[in-house]
Amino acid sequence: MSTVKRFIAGVTCPRCAEMDRIRAWEQNGIRYRECVSCDFFEQLPIEEDALTEMTTRVNQVRDDQKQQDVQPVRILDPGKPSR
């Protein structure tokens, strides 16, 4: 039986810093990650209590997003005069 290795979108390799080069798979209760561009390889035991999301470009808040002030938008009724 062959294990399916899947690429993880948006993950940067901790060794070579290339994006979208990490593939991951699980086998016998162990999570494996490897980079196809360099020799990075990691194995992590799967702990049900401490599953954490991998850091990707999609789940991080950019610096320019942190500084934005949110203001509500008021929609005016065109039939009523504004005061």
C-alpha atoms as a PDB file:
ATOM      1  CA  MET A   1       0.000   0.000   0.000  1.00  0.00           C
ATOM      2  CA  SER A   2       1.430   3.370  -1.043  1.00  0.00           C
ATOM      3  CA  THR A   3       1.152   6.465   1.152  1.00  0.00           C
ATOM      4  CA  VAL A   4      -0.134   9.608  -0.558  1.00  0.00           C
ATOM      5  CA  LYS A   5       2.206  12.584  -0.096  1.00  0.00           C
ATOM      6  CA  ARG A   6       0.466  15.950  -0.467  1.00  0.00           C
ATOM      7  CA  PHE A   7       1.948  19.389  -1.008  1.00  0.00           C
ATOM      8  CA  ILE A   8       0.964  22.033   1.537  1.00  0.00           C
ATOM      9  CA  ALA A   9       0.070  25.328  -0.136  1.00  0.00           C
ATOM     10  CA  GLY A  10       1.739  28.404   1.281  1.00  0.00           C
ATOM     11  CA  VAL A  11       4.209  26.696   3.600  1.00  0.00           C
ATOM     12  CA  THR A  12       7.802  27.941   3.498  1.00  0.00           C
ATOM     13  CA  CYS A  13      10.629  25.463   4.055  1.00  0.00           C
ATOM     14  CA  PRO A  14      12.419  26.219   7.342  1.00  0.00           C
ATOM     15  CA  ARG A  15      15.787  25.305   5.811  1.00  0.00           C
ATOM     16  CA  CYS A  16      15.883  26.736   2.254  1.00  0.00           C
ATOM     17  CA  ALA A  17      12.981  29.251   2.571  1.00  0.00           C
ATOM     18  CA  GLU A  18      11.376  28.082  -0.700  1.00  0.00           C
ATOM     19  CA  MET A  19       7.593  28.385  -0.721  1.00  0.00           C
ATOM     20  CA  ASP A  20       5.256  25.565  -1.789  1.00  0.00           C
ATOM     21  CA  ARG A  21       7.984  22.893  -1.692  1.00  0.00           C
ATOM     22  CA  ILE A  22       6.875  21.035   1.470  1.00  0.00           C
ATOM     23  CA  ARG A  23       4.930  17.816   1.168  1.00  0.00           C
ATOM     24  CA  ALA A  24       3.421  15.945   4.083  1.00  0.00           C
ATOM     25  CA  TRP A  25       1.965  12.562   4.885  1.00  0.00           C
ATOM     26  CA  GLU A  26       0.984  10.440   7.871  1.00  0.00           C
ATOM     27  CA  GLN A  27       1.972   6.875   8.539  1.00  0.00           C
ATOM     28  CA  ASN A  28       1.664   4.698  11.661  1.00  0.00           C
ATOM     29  CA  GLY A  29       0.692   7.627  13.902  1.00  0.00           C
ATOM     30  CA  ILE A  30       3.576   9.830  12.769  1.00  0.00           C
ATOM     31  CA  ARG A  31       3.326  12.968  10.626  1.00  0.00           C
ATOM     32  CA  TYR A  32       6.161  13.446   8.129  1.00  0.00           C
ATOM     33  CA  ARG A  33       7.178  16.599   6.248  1.00  0.00           C
ATOM     34  CA  GLU A  34       9.886  16.994   3.649  1.00  0.00           C
ATOM     35  CA  CYS A  35      11.101  19.615   1.195  1.00  0.00           C
ATOM     36  CA  VAL A  36      11.535  18.642  -2.435  1.00  0.00           C
ATOM     37  CA  SER A  37      14.098  21.448  -2.979  1.00  0.00           C
ATOM     38  CA  CYS A  38      16.550  20.660  -0.169  1.00  0.00           C
ATOM     39  CA  ASP A  39      17.233  17.842   2.292  1.00  0.00           C
ATOM     40  CA  PHE A  40      14.817  19.086   5.006  1.00  0.00           C
ATOM     41  CA  PHE A  41      12.948  16.208   6.651  1.00  0.00           C
ATOM     42  CA  GLU A  42      10.882  16.214   9.840  1.00  0.00           C
ATOM     43  CA  GLN A  43       8.807  13.651  11.671  1.00  0.00           C
ATOM     44  CA  LEU A  44       6.344  14.575  14.381  1.00  0.00           C
ATOM     45  CA  PRO A  45       4.205  12.325  16.544  1.00  0.00           C
ATOM     46  CA  ILE A  46       0.507  13.006  16.095  1.00  0.00           C
ATOM     47  CA  GLU A  47      -0.881  14.220  19.399  1.00  0.00           C
ATOM     48  CA  GLU A  48      -4.643  14.510  19.460  1.00  0.00           C
ATOM     49  CA  ASP A  49      -4.623  17.220  22.159  1.00  0.00           C
ATOM     50  CA  ALA A  50      -2.041  19.507  20.578  1.00  0.00           C
ATOM     51  CA  LEU A  51      -2.828  19.611  16.876  1.00  0.00           C
ATOM     52  CA  THR A  52      -1.632  22.978  15.632  1.00  0.00           C
ATOM     53  CA  GLU A  53      -2.145  24.543  12.273  1.00  0.00           C
ATOM     54  CA  MET A  54       0.973  24.949  10.174  1.00  0.00           C
ATOM     55  CA  THR A  55       1.966  28.526   9.443  1.00  0.00           C
ATOM     56  CA  THR A  56       1.100  29.518   5.885  1.00  0.00           C
ATOM     57  CA  ARG A  57       0.707  32.747   3.946  1.00  0.00           C
ATOM     58  CA  VAL A  58      -3.055  32.253   4.133  1.00  0.00           C
ATOM     59  CA  ASN A  59      -3.475  32.005   7.914  1.00  0.00           C
ATOM     60  CA  GLN A  60      -1.193  34.898   8.934  1.00  0.00           C
ATOM     61  CA  VAL A  61      -2.210  38.528   9.340  1.00  0.00           C
ATOM     62  CA  ARG A  62      -0.061  40.862   7.242  1.00  0.00           C
ATOM     63  CA  ASP A  63       1.446  43.977   8.823  1.00  0.00           C
ATOM     64  CA  ASP A  64      -0.644  46.289   6.641  1.00  0.00           C
ATOM     65  CA  GLN A  65      -3.818  44.502   7.780  1.00  0.00           C
ATOM     66  CA  LYS A  66      -2.968  45.008  11.465  1.00  0.00           C
ATOM     67  CA  GLN A  67      -2.926  48.802  11.076  1.00  0.00           C
ATOM     68  CA  GLN A  68      -6.331  49.186   9.426  1.00  0.00           C
ATOM     69  CA  ASP A  69      -9.028  50.919  11.459  1.00  0.00           C
ATOM     70  CA  VAL A  70     -12.484  49.497  10.941  1.00  0.00           C
ATOM     71  CA  GLN A  71     -15.293  52.006  10.684  1.00  0.00           C
ATOM     72  CA  PRO A  72     -18.962  51.188  10.191  1.00  0.00           C
ATOM     73  CA  VAL A  73     -20.649  52.319   6.997  1.00  0.00           C
ATOM     74  CA  ARG A  74     -23.935  54.183   7.326  1.00  0.00           C
ATOM     75  CA  ILE A  75     -26.366  53.727   4.484  1.00  0.00           C
ATOM     76  CA  LEU A  76     -28.617  56.728   3.991  1.00  0.00           C
ATOM     77  CA  ASP A  77     -32.173  56.561   2.803  1.00  0.00           C
ATOM     78  CA  PRO A  78     -32.298  58.700  -0.385  1.00  0.00           C
ATOM     79  CA  GLY A  79     -35.961  59.580   0.292  1.00  0.00           C
ATOM     80  CA  LYS A  80     -35.231  61.299   3.627  1.00  0.00           C
ATOM     81  CA  PRO A  81     -33.340  64.556   3.882  1.00  0.00           C
ATOM     82  CA  SER A  82     -30.126  64.345   5.901  1.00  0.00           C
ATOM     83  CA  ARG A  83     -29.697  66.650   8.895  1.00  0.00           C
END
